[in-house]
Amino acid sequence: MPNNSDLIYLTLQNALKGLINKDFTAQELVAAHIAQMDATHHLNAYITQMADHALNAAKDSDARIAKGETRPLEGIPIAMKDLFCTKGVRTTAGSKILENFIPPYESTIGQRLLDAGAITIGKTNLDEFAMGSSNITSAYGPTLSPWKTPANKHCLPGGSSGGSAAAVASFSAIAATGTDTGGSIRQPASFSGIVGIKPTYGRCSRYGIIAFASSLDQAGPLTRTVEDAAIMLQHMAGFDEHDSTSVNKPTPNYLDEIGGSVKGLKIGIPNECRMEGMRSDVLELWEKAAQILQDVGAIIKPISLPMLKYALPTYYIIAPAEASSNLARYDGVRFGQRVEGDSLDELYMKTREAGFGPEVKRRIIMGTHVLSSGFYDAYYVKAQKLRTHIIQNFQQTFTDIDLILTPSAPTPAFTFGEEPKDPVTMYMNDIYTVIANLAGLPGISIPFGLSKPEGLPLGMQLIAPAFEESLLLKVGQTLYTFAEKDPVQALREIV
């Protein structure tokens, strides 16, 4: 039987095997992760800890295991991004305006994981309403990454799913849920040295996920290995009649593809991603990833994505526009924080002024502006037309190739306190990820190497045609296997 302190280092696969073989109990496994959650409390990865709830659930899991009634994720401690509604447990979206909101229902994703036997040990921190790339816009304070610079300064885990990324990277959860609107799973995965997958839009239900931009948001898992990502996605994906954007399409067995040959697959390398100012270590790692795939039989093809240069401006018109509409419901009348005023208009103003942070206000104002009379056609309609061209660009590209390989982010993680203060510079960090959201395509970030000279994680991104998550996982596993340094070992050395 392993020491309790060693239980936090188990992969999801190995934890399941150990529980079934009775090498340890679910209570021991959960307790070890709760202890690690306490030991890494300074990272502020969690907004709400659920230790008592988790230990009670672990007792139930042990009883099921004893009876031979084990479910697929029985006894596995996971973290839930605090954007997913959890029945009877505070759900804040990282905002003051929902500080005391306790949902009366569970999100579909959360319920599916619970039904599979997973145990939620806490709700993770995030950029407020998922708006950010650094996890510093949360009303509950910034999340720190377990990674540090050579000068011993903490890095930021990326955003908006930074709390989930930090929890997985610091071993306080075996896996975590995240959401990705413009890269909010893949960028934190890259910054934190873990695996993150954004499924095809419609593959995972959005029911019970507090909305940011409804045509872009998609849930997905963050894990330490590709196999664990496949297992998590297996139990997150599927049609949901409660979500009108959910696609009624069979869910493959994602683990079946892990380890398969990539021989003959055509991998596209977009010329437009070789941008002025790209760090030499990012470029070097990207070229190394392409060479490795070629060495194992894939065909590397230079391609052109001419619409890439329009991706960020298109995204930062559509996403704020949808956000301004979605966040209009937070008015102090029906739920959430309420600040009284002498009139209804004053109640609205005072409530939203006190409840929303600067980044959320900025995006609401941007969105309201592009939707306003006189600007709707000039900005919003034009952005939607560009989005159509981006989708068509991908459709044409995927007639000649199977996958696209790019860096996940143009830089390694920001150092806490030294992150870009200019919003536009921060938005540029999404340059490689937003295009997949605009086109509704699946993408995965794989930990592949370390920056020079800082020694911080760098990830490689793969983008596939719609509903080809199995292909992402297969090729992603190849990259993971050939990473410059074993990703899990790298994490163990810094925690």
Protein backbone atom coordinates (compact mmCIF):
# COMPACT_ATOMS: atom_id res chain seq x y z
CA MET A 1 0.00 0.00 0.00
CA PRO A 2 1.47 3.40 -0.96
CA ASN A 3 1.99 6.10 1.65
CA ASN A 4 -0.92 8.50 1.84
CA SER A 5 1.37 11.31 0.70
CA ASP A 6 2.17 9.34 -2.46
CA LEU A 7 -1.50 8.98 -3.40
CA ILE A 8 -1.60 12.52 -4.80
CA TYR A 9 0.85 11.54 -7.54
CA LEU A 10 -1.35 8.81 -9.01
CA THR A 11 -2.79 9.24 -12.48
CA LEU A 12 -6.53 8.83 -12.82
CA GLN A 13 -6.02 5.43 -14.45
CA ASN A 14 -3.73 4.18 -11.68
CA ALA A 15 -5.99 5.55 -8.96
CA LEU A 16 -8.93 3.62 -10.41
CA LYS A 17 -6.87 0.43 -10.52
CA GLY A 18 -5.67 0.92 -6.95
CA LEU A 19 -9.20 1.45 -5.66
CA ILE A 20 -10.54 -1.64 -7.44
CA ASN A 21 -7.59 -3.71 -6.19
CA LYS A 22 -8.17 -2.31 -2.66
CA ASP A 23 -4.59 -1.04 -2.44
CA PHE A 24 -6.11 1.96 -0.65
CA THR A 25 -9.57 3.30 0.08
CA ALA A 26 -11.44 6.18 -1.50
CA GLN A 27 -11.36 7.89 1.91
CA GLU A 28 -7.56 7.66 1.98
CA LEU A 29 -7.31 8.94 -1.59
CA VAL A 30 -9.63 11.88 -0.96
CA ALA A 31 -8.01 12.70 2.39
CA ALA A 32 -4.57 12.82 0.73
CA HIS A 33 -5.84 15.33 -1.83
CA ILE A 34 -7.57 17.42 0.84
CA ALA A 35 -4.28 17.53 2.75
CA GLN A 36 -2.52 18.68 -0.42
CA MET A 37 -5.24 21.28 -0.98
CA ASP A 38 -4.48 22.63 2.50
CA ALA A 39 -0.71 22.45 1.91
CA THR A 40 -1.06 24.50 -1.28
CA HIS A 41 -3.63 26.93 0.14
CA HIS A 42 -1.28 29.84 -0.64
CA LEU A 43 -1.89 29.27 -4.36
CA ASN A 44 -5.55 30.31 -3.90
CA ALA A 45 -6.61 27.68 -6.43
CA TYR A 46 -9.98 27.17 -4.71
CA ILE A 47 -12.76 29.59 -3.89
CA THR A 48 -14.81 27.03 -1.96
CA GLN A 49 -13.38 23.88 -0.38
CA MET A 50 -15.71 20.90 0.06
CA ALA A 51 -13.69 18.66 2.38
CA ASP A 52 -16.55 17.34 4.56
CA HIS A 53 -18.75 16.72 1.54
CA ALA A 54 -15.89 14.92 -0.25
CA LEU A 55 -15.08 12.65 2.70
CA ASN A 56 -18.73 11.66 3.07
CA ALA A 57 -18.89 10.89 -0.63
CA ALA A 58 -15.70 8.83 -0.30
CA LYS A 59 -17.35 6.71 2.40
CA ASP A 60 -20.18 5.99 -0.02
CA SER A 61 -17.64 5.07 -2.71
CA ASP A 62 -15.89 2.64 -0.38
CA ALA A 63 -19.23 1.02 0.40
CA ARG A 64 -19.96 0.65 -3.32
CA ILE A 65 -16.51 -0.80 -3.99
CA ALA A 66 -16.99 -3.31 -1.16
CA LYS A 67 -20.28 -4.42 -2.74
CA GLY A 68 -18.76 -4.66 -6.22
CA GLU A 69 -20.93 -1.81 -7.49
CA THR A 70 -18.04 0.33 -8.73
CA ARG A 71 -18.86 3.11 -11.20
CA PRO A 72 -16.37 4.25 -13.90
CA LEU A 73 -14.87 7.13 -11.85
CA GLU A 74 -15.60 5.72 -8.40
CA GLY A 75 -13.77 7.58 -5.65
CA ILE A 76 -11.75 9.92 -7.90
CA PRO A 77 -11.25 13.41 -6.35
CA ILE A 78 -11.76 16.16 -8.92
CA ALA A 79 -12.00 19.94 -8.81
CA MET A 80 -14.88 21.87 -10.38
CA LYS A 81 -14.37 25.29 -11.95
CA ASP A 82 -16.58 27.73 -10.06
CA LEU A 83 -18.48 28.49 -13.25
CA PHE A 84 -20.34 25.15 -13.02
CA CYS A 85 -23.49 25.25 -10.91
CA THR A 86 -23.31 22.83 -7.97
CA LYS A 87 -26.53 21.99 -6.18
CA GLY A 88 -26.50 23.36 -2.65
CA VAL A 89 -22.92 24.62 -2.94
CA ARG A 90 -21.98 28.26 -3.51
CA THR A 91 -21.20 29.10 -7.13
CA THR A 92 -19.65 32.54 -7.68
CA ALA A 93 -18.22 32.69 -11.23
CA GLY A 94 -15.35 34.53 -9.52
CA SER A 95 -17.58 37.59 -9.03
CA LYS A 96 -18.87 39.56 -6.04
CA ILE A 97 -22.26 39.80 -7.69
CA LEU A 98 -22.76 36.06 -7.14
CA GLU A 99 -20.93 35.90 -3.82
CA ASN A 100 -23.83 34.21 -2.03
CA PHE A 101 -25.49 32.40 -4.94
CA ILE A 102 -26.36 28.79 -4.10
CA PRO A 103 -27.78 26.98 -7.14
CA PRO A 104 -30.80 24.67 -6.68
CA TYR A 105 -29.53 22.34 -9.42
CA GLU A 106 -26.37 20.69 -10.75
CA SER A 107 -24.83 21.40 -14.14
CA THR A 108 -25.15 18.55 -16.63
CA ILE A 109 -21.37 18.08 -16.74
CA GLY A 110 -21.17 18.04 -12.95
CA GLN A 111 -24.04 15.57 -12.67
CA ARG A 112 -22.51 13.23 -15.23
CA LEU A 113 -19.21 13.16 -13.36
CA LEU A 114 -21.00 12.61 -10.04
CA ASP A 115 -23.08 9.82 -11.58
CA ALA A 116 -19.83 8.23 -12.78
CA GLY A 117 -18.58 8.22 -9.18
CA ALA A 118 -16.25 11.23 -9.18
CA ILE A 119 -15.99 13.26 -5.96
CA THR A 120 -15.82 17.05 -6.07
CA ILE A 121 -13.38 18.33 -3.43
CA GLY A 122 -13.70 22.04 -4.23
CA LYS A 123 -14.74 24.85 -6.56
CA THR A 124 -11.76 26.41 -8.29
CA ASN A 125 -10.87 30.05 -8.76
CA LEU A 126 -11.21 31.75 -12.14
CA ASP A 127 -11.07 35.09 -13.87
CA GLU A 128 -14.37 36.83 -13.14
CA PHE A 129 -17.09 35.36 -15.36
CA ALA A 130 -14.26 33.61 -17.23
CA MET A 131 -13.02 36.92 -18.65
CA GLY A 132 -9.25 36.91 -18.54
CA SER A 133 -6.00 35.17 -19.47
CA SER A 134 -4.17 35.27 -16.16
CA ASN A 135 -6.56 34.53 -13.27
CA ILE A 136 -6.00 37.97 -11.72
CA THR A 137 -9.50 39.37 -12.36
CA SER A 138 -11.21 37.13 -9.79
CA ALA A 139 -13.04 38.96 -6.98
CA TYR A 140 -11.50 36.37 -4.63
CA GLY A 141 -7.90 37.21 -5.37
CA PRO A 142 -5.42 35.93 -7.97
CA THR A 143 -4.45 32.30 -8.28
CA LEU A 144 -0.74 31.52 -8.25
CA SER A 145 0.90 28.73 -10.19
CA PRO A 146 3.12 26.19 -8.44
CA TRP A 147 5.72 27.11 -11.08
CA LYS A 148 8.28 29.75 -10.10
CA THR A 149 10.89 31.74 -11.98
CA PRO A 150 14.64 31.25 -11.32
CA ALA A 151 14.31 34.31 -9.04
CA ASN A 152 11.78 32.31 -6.96
CA LYS A 153 8.82 34.44 -8.03
CA HIS A 154 5.47 32.72 -8.50
CA CYS A 155 4.05 32.59 -11.99
CA LEU A 156 0.39 32.93 -12.91
CA PRO A 157 -1.43 29.79 -14.11
CA GLY A 158 -3.22 31.48 -17.02
CA GLY A 159 -6.93 31.98 -17.38
CA SER A 160 -9.71 31.81 -17.14
CA SER A 161 -9.49 28.21 -15.87
CA GLY A 162 -6.39 29.07 -13.83
CA GLY A 163 -7.67 27.66 -10.54
CA SER A 164 -8.40 24.31 -12.15
CA ALA A 165 -4.98 24.29 -13.84
CA ALA A 166 -3.20 25.17 -10.58
CA ALA A 167 -5.13 22.49 -8.67
CA VAL A 168 -4.14 19.77 -11.14
CA ALA A 169 -0.54 20.99 -11.48
CA SER A 170 -0.10 21.15 -7.68
CA PHE A 171 -1.60 17.66 -7.17
CA SER A 172 -4.58 18.75 -5.05
CA ALA A 173 -6.96 17.19 -7.59
CA ILE A 174 -6.46 14.32 -10.00
CA ALA A 175 -8.40 16.17 -12.68
CA ALA A 176 -10.54 19.29 -13.03
CA THR A 177 -13.22 20.78 -15.22
CA GLY A 178 -12.67 23.97 -17.16
CA THR A 179 -14.37 26.08 -19.79
CA ASP A 180 -12.85 27.47 -22.96
CA THR A 181 -14.28 30.56 -24.69
CA GLY A 182 -11.13 31.78 -26.41
CA GLY A 183 -8.43 29.50 -25.01
CA SER A 184 -9.33 29.33 -21.31
CA ILE A 185 -8.51 25.62 -21.03
CA ARG A 186 -5.59 25.38 -23.45
CA GLN A 187 -3.66 28.48 -22.38
CA PRO A 188 -3.72 27.59 -18.62
CA ALA A 189 -2.74 24.04 -19.55
CA SER A 190 0.24 25.39 -21.48
CA PHE A 191 1.25 27.77 -18.66
CA SER A 192 0.90 25.05 -16.02
CA GLY A 193 2.55 22.10 -17.76
CA ILE A 194 -0.59 19.94 -18.02
CA VAL A 195 -3.03 18.65 -20.64
CA GLY A 196 -6.15 20.60 -21.57
CA ILE A 197 -8.72 19.81 -24.23
CA LYS A 198 -11.45 22.01 -25.68
CA PRO A 199 -13.98 19.74 -27.39
CA THR A 200 -16.01 20.61 -30.47
CA TYR A 201 -18.74 23.17 -29.77
CA GLY A 202 -21.80 21.14 -28.86
CA ARG A 203 -19.90 18.02 -27.77
CA CYS A 204 -20.32 18.85 -24.05
CA SER A 205 -23.46 20.34 -22.54
CA ARG A 206 -23.43 23.97 -21.42
CA TYR A 207 -26.48 23.51 -19.18
CA GLY A 208 -25.69 24.80 -15.71
CA ILE A 209 -22.51 26.60 -16.78
CA ILE A 210 -22.74 30.35 -16.10
CA ALA A 211 -22.58 31.90 -19.56
CA PHE A 212 -19.91 34.25 -20.84
CA ALA A 213 -20.30 34.06 -24.65
CA SER A 214 -22.89 31.46 -25.56
CA SER A 215 -21.71 30.71 -29.11
CA LEU A 216 -18.10 30.22 -27.97
CA ASP A 217 -18.17 28.63 -24.48
CA GLN A 218 -17.33 24.93 -24.25
CA ALA A 219 -16.50 22.72 -21.27
CA GLY A 220 -13.53 20.38 -21.15
CA PRO A 221 -11.08 18.61 -18.81
CA LEU A 222 -7.66 19.54 -17.42
CA THR A 223 -5.46 16.60 -16.42
CA ARG A 224 -1.81 15.64 -16.06
CA THR A 225 -1.83 12.97 -18.81
CA VAL A 226 -3.51 12.48 -22.18
CA GLU A 227 -5.07 9.19 -21.06
CA ASP A 228 -6.67 10.92 -18.08
CA ALA A 229 -8.05 13.61 -20.40
CA ALA A 230 -9.62 10.89 -22.55
CA ILE A 231 -11.25 9.30 -19.50
CA MET A 232 -12.61 12.58 -18.22
CA LEU A 233 -13.93 13.62 -21.62
CA GLN A 234 -15.63 10.24 -21.98
CA HIS A 235 -17.84 11.06 -19.00
CA MET A 236 -18.34 14.75 -19.81
CA ALA A 237 -19.37 14.46 -23.46
CA GLY A 238 -22.78 13.57 -24.80
CA PHE A 239 -26.12 14.94 -25.92
CA ASP A 240 -28.22 16.89 -23.45
CA GLU A 241 -31.84 17.75 -24.18
CA HIS A 242 -31.59 20.67 -21.74
CA ASP A 243 -29.03 22.42 -23.99
CA SER A 244 -30.24 23.57 -27.41
CA THR A 245 -26.63 23.80 -28.66
CA SER A 246 -25.83 20.20 -27.66
CA VAL A 247 -25.23 17.94 -30.66
CA ASN A 248 -26.97 14.55 -30.74
CA LYS A 249 -23.97 12.55 -31.85
CA PRO A 250 -22.54 9.29 -30.42
CA THR A 251 -19.54 9.65 -28.10
CA PRO A 252 -16.60 7.45 -29.17
CA ASN A 253 -14.49 5.48 -26.73
CA TYR A 254 -11.67 7.99 -26.57
CA LEU A 255 -9.18 5.65 -24.92
CA ASP A 256 -9.34 3.33 -27.95
CA GLU A 257 -7.30 5.82 -29.99
CA ILE A 258 -4.57 6.40 -27.41
CA GLY A 259 -1.32 4.87 -28.61
CA GLY A 260 -2.48 4.44 -32.20
CA SER A 261 -0.14 5.06 -35.13
CA VAL A 262 0.06 8.53 -36.64
CA LYS A 263 1.70 7.23 -39.81
CA GLY A 264 0.29 8.89 -42.90
CA LEU A 265 -1.56 11.65 -41.07
CA LYS A 266 -1.14 15.06 -42.66
CA ILE A 267 -0.20 17.77 -40.16
CA GLY A 268 -0.52 21.40 -41.25
CA ILE A 269 1.91 24.09 -40.06
CA PRO A 270 0.32 27.54 -40.57
CA ASN A 271 2.72 30.07 -42.04
CA GLU A 272 0.80 32.90 -40.38
CA CYS A 273 1.72 31.62 -36.90
CA ARG A 274 5.37 32.57 -37.50
CA MET A 275 4.85 36.07 -36.21
CA GLU A 276 7.22 38.95 -35.67
CA GLY A 277 8.37 38.90 -32.09
CA MET A 278 7.79 35.17 -31.57
CA ARG A 279 10.19 33.91 -28.93
CA SER A 280 12.98 31.77 -30.31
CA ASP A 281 12.39 29.01 -27.74
CA VAL A 282 8.70 28.77 -28.72
CA LEU A 283 9.64 28.57 -32.40
CA GLU A 284 12.35 25.99 -31.68
CA LEU A 285 9.95 23.79 -29.73
CA TRP A 286 7.28 24.08 -32.42
CA GLU A 287 9.77 22.97 -35.07
CA LYS A 288 10.89 20.11 -32.83
CA ALA A 289 7.28 18.92 -32.40
CA ALA A 290 6.78 18.94 -36.17
CA GLN A 291 10.01 17.01 -36.69
CA ILE A 292 9.05 14.37 -34.13
CA LEU A 293 5.68 13.82 -35.79
CA GLN A 294 7.44 13.52 -39.14
CA ASP A 295 9.93 11.04 -37.69
CA VAL A 296 7.10 8.74 -36.55
CA GLY A 297 5.43 8.76 -39.96
CA ALA A 298 3.22 11.84 -40.15
CA ILE A 299 3.39 14.10 -43.19
CA ILE A 300 4.20 17.72 -42.37
CA LYS A 301 2.71 20.29 -44.74
CA PRO A 302 3.08 24.06 -44.68
CA ILE A 303 -0.39 25.62 -44.93
CA SER A 304 -1.92 29.07 -45.01
CA LEU A 305 -4.63 30.34 -42.68
CA PRO A 306 -5.08 33.85 -44.08
CA MET A 307 -8.04 34.51 -41.78
CA LEU A 308 -5.87 34.12 -38.67
CA LYS A 309 -5.05 37.83 -38.67
CA TYR A 310 -8.75 38.61 -38.25
CA ALA A 311 -9.33 36.13 -35.42
CA LEU A 312 -8.58 38.37 -32.42
CA PRO A 313 -10.54 41.44 -33.58
CA THR A 314 -13.45 39.19 -34.57
CA TYR A 315 -13.39 37.44 -31.21
CA TYR A 316 -13.16 40.66 -29.22
CA ILE A 317 -16.29 41.97 -30.92
CA ILE A 318 -18.43 38.82 -30.74
CA ALA A 319 -17.44 37.69 -27.23
CA PRO A 320 -18.06 41.05 -25.47
CA ALA A 321 -21.32 41.47 -27.40
CA GLU A 322 -22.59 38.13 -26.14
CA ALA A 323 -21.25 38.86 -22.66
CA SER A 324 -23.10 42.17 -22.44
CA SER A 325 -26.30 40.34 -23.30
CA ASN A 326 -25.72 37.41 -20.93
CA LEU A 327 -24.69 39.59 -17.99
CA ALA A 328 -27.73 41.84 -18.28
CA ARG A 329 -29.56 39.35 -16.04
CA TYR A 330 -27.43 40.39 -13.05
CA ASP A 331 -29.49 43.39 -12.01
CA GLY A 332 -30.03 42.90 -8.26
CA VAL A 333 -33.68 41.97 -8.70
CA ARG A 334 -33.91 38.21 -9.10
CA PHE A 335 -30.74 36.81 -7.55
CA GLY A 336 -27.19 37.72 -6.61
CA GLN A 337 -25.92 40.83 -4.89
CA ARG A 338 -28.39 43.73 -4.45
CA VAL A 339 -27.54 47.35 -3.64
CA GLU A 340 -30.63 49.45 -2.96
CA GLY A 341 -31.30 52.70 -4.78
CA ASP A 342 -33.95 55.41 -4.81
CA SER A 343 -35.20 54.21 -8.20
CA LEU A 344 -35.06 51.03 -10.28
CA ASP A 345 -32.39 52.54 -12.54
CA GLU A 346 -30.31 53.50 -9.50
CA LEU A 347 -30.68 49.97 -8.08
CA TYR A 348 -29.37 48.58 -11.38
CA MET A 349 -26.43 50.99 -11.48
CA LYS A 350 -25.37 50.56 -7.87
CA THR A 351 -25.71 46.78 -7.97
CA ARG A 352 -23.67 46.38 -11.15
CA GLU A 353 -21.10 48.98 -10.06
CA ALA A 354 -20.48 47.15 -6.79
CA GLY A 355 -20.83 43.62 -8.18
CA PHE A 356 -18.69 43.65 -11.33
CA GLY A 357 -14.92 44.05 -11.53
CA PRO A 358 -13.01 46.28 -13.99
CA GLU A 359 -12.43 43.65 -16.70
CA VAL A 360 -16.08 42.58 -16.74
CA LYS A 361 -17.20 46.22 -16.92
CA ARG A 362 -14.75 46.84 -19.76
CA ARG A 363 -16.15 43.95 -21.79
CA ILE A 364 -19.77 44.86 -21.07
CA ILE A 365 -19.08 48.39 -22.32
CA MET A 366 -17.31 47.04 -25.41
CA GLY A 367 -20.17 44.66 -26.11
CA THR A 368 -22.88 47.24 -25.57
CA HIS A 369 -21.05 49.63 -27.89
CA VAL A 370 -20.77 47.19 -30.81
CA LEU A 371 -24.45 46.24 -30.43
CA SER A 372 -25.68 49.82 -30.22
CA SER A 373 -27.54 51.66 -32.93
CA GLY A 374 -25.14 53.07 -35.49
CA PHE A 375 -22.38 50.56 -34.69
CA TYR A 376 -24.18 47.21 -35.00
CA ASP A 377 -23.61 46.91 -38.77
CA ALA A 378 -20.15 48.43 -38.67
CA TYR A 379 -18.83 46.06 -35.99
CA TYR A 380 -21.05 43.15 -34.96
CA VAL A 381 -22.46 42.23 -38.37
CA LYS A 382 -19.03 42.56 -39.97
CA ALA A 383 -17.49 40.36 -37.25
CA GLN A 384 -20.10 37.67 -37.88
CA LYS A 385 -19.30 37.75 -41.59
CA LEU A 386 -15.60 37.38 -40.80
CA ARG A 387 -16.44 34.45 -38.53
CA THR A 388 -18.15 32.75 -41.46
CA HIS A 389 -15.02 33.27 -43.57
CA ILE A 390 -12.88 31.80 -40.76
CA ILE A 391 -15.09 28.70 -40.67
CA GLN A 392 -14.88 28.37 -44.46
CA ASN A 393 -11.09 28.82 -44.30
CA PHE A 394 -10.84 25.85 -41.93
CA GLN A 395 -13.23 23.73 -44.00
CA GLN A 396 -11.11 24.28 -47.09
CA THR A 397 -7.87 23.65 -45.16
CA PHE A 398 -9.10 20.35 -43.73
CA THR A 399 -9.76 18.96 -47.21
CA ASP A 400 -5.98 18.62 -47.57
CA ILE A 401 -4.79 17.88 -44.01
CA ASP A 402 -5.91 15.99 -40.90
CA LEU A 403 -4.66 18.26 -38.09
CA ILE A 404 -3.07 21.64 -37.46
CA LEU A 405 -0.07 22.10 -35.15
CA THR A 406 0.70 25.45 -33.50
CA PRO A 407 2.11 26.66 -30.19
CA SER A 408 -0.57 26.90 -27.49
CA ALA A 409 0.58 30.38 -26.46
CA PRO A 410 3.22 32.79 -27.74
CA THR A 411 4.95 33.04 -24.34
CA PRO A 412 5.50 31.06 -21.14
CA ALA A 413 3.56 31.99 -18.01
CA PHE A 414 3.51 35.56 -16.74
CA THR A 415 5.30 36.32 -13.47
CA PHE A 416 2.88 37.44 -10.76
CA GLY A 417 2.97 41.22 -10.52
CA GLU A 418 4.76 41.54 -13.85
CA GLU A 419 1.93 40.48 -16.14
CA PRO A 420 0.98 42.85 -19.01
CA LYS A 421 -1.02 45.79 -17.69
CA ASP A 422 -2.27 46.84 -21.12
CA PRO A 423 -5.51 44.89 -21.90
CA VAL A 424 -4.69 44.64 -25.61
CA THR A 425 -1.30 43.07 -24.87
CA MET A 426 -3.02 40.58 -22.58
CA TYR A 427 -5.63 39.79 -25.24
CA MET A 428 -2.81 39.00 -27.69
CA ASN A 429 -1.97 35.95 -25.59
CA ASP A 430 -5.02 34.27 -27.13
CA ILE A 431 -3.73 34.66 -30.68
CA TYR A 432 -3.32 30.91 -31.32
CA THR A 433 -6.40 29.69 -29.47
CA VAL A 434 -9.38 31.94 -30.29
CA ILE A 435 -9.61 30.77 -33.88
CA ALA A 436 -10.69 27.27 -32.82
CA ASN A 437 -13.52 28.74 -30.73
CA LEU A 438 -14.71 30.96 -33.57
CA ALA A 439 -14.84 27.91 -35.85
CA GLY A 440 -16.26 25.61 -33.16
CA LEU A 441 -13.38 23.15 -33.58
CA PRO A 442 -11.69 20.91 -30.99
CA GLY A 443 -8.21 21.70 -29.75
CA ILE A 444 -5.78 20.25 -27.24
CA SER A 445 -2.70 21.62 -25.48
CA ILE A 446 0.10 19.18 -24.70
CA PRO A 447 2.98 19.96 -22.29
CA PHE A 448 5.98 19.58 -24.55
CA GLY A 449 8.98 21.46 -23.20
CA LEU A 450 10.42 24.22 -21.04
CA SER A 451 11.25 27.81 -21.89
CA LYS A 452 14.80 29.10 -22.04
CA PRO A 453 16.23 30.33 -19.78
CA GLU A 454 13.33 30.41 -17.26
CA GLY A 455 12.52 26.70 -17.36
CA LEU A 456 8.76 27.32 -17.50
CA PRO A 457 6.24 25.08 -19.32
CA LEU A 458 5.50 25.50 -23.01
CA GLY A 459 2.63 23.69 -24.69
CA MET A 460 1.90 22.62 -28.24
CA GLN A 461 -1.62 22.90 -29.64
CA LEU A 462 -3.37 20.57 -32.06
CA ILE A 463 -6.61 21.59 -33.82
CA ALA A 464 -8.79 19.01 -35.58
CA PRO A 465 -11.95 18.99 -37.69
CA ALA A 466 -15.24 19.00 -35.81
CA PHE A 467 -15.88 15.97 -33.59
CA GLU A 468 -12.40 14.53 -34.17
CA GLU A 469 -11.38 14.58 -30.51
CA SER A 470 -10.14 11.00 -30.89
CA LEU A 471 -7.62 12.17 -33.48
CA LEU A 472 -6.46 14.96 -31.15
CA LEU A 473 -5.91 12.47 -28.35
CA LYS A 474 -4.03 10.02 -30.56
CA VAL A 475 -1.57 12.58 -31.93
CA GLY A 476 -1.49 14.39 -28.60
CA GLN A 477 -0.32 11.19 -26.92
CA THR A 478 2.55 10.96 -29.40
CA LEU A 479 3.69 14.49 -28.59
CA TYR A 480 3.27 13.82 -24.86
CA THR A 481 5.44 10.69 -25.12
CA PHE A 482 8.23 12.64 -26.83
CA ALA A 483 8.08 15.72 -24.57
CA GLU A 484 11.51 17.12 -23.69
CA LYS A 485 10.94 16.13 -20.08
CA ASP A 486 8.36 13.79 -18.54
CA PRO A 487 5.52 16.24 -17.74
CA VAL A 488 4.43 14.58 -14.49
CA GLN A 489 8.00 14.31 -13.24
CA ALA A 490 8.51 18.00 -14.04
CA LEU A 491 5.48 18.85 -11.89
CA ARG A 492 6.65 16.66 -9.00
CA GLU A 493 9.97 18.51 -8.97
CA ILE A 494 8.34 21.93 -8.49
CA VAL A 495 5.58 21.07 -5.98
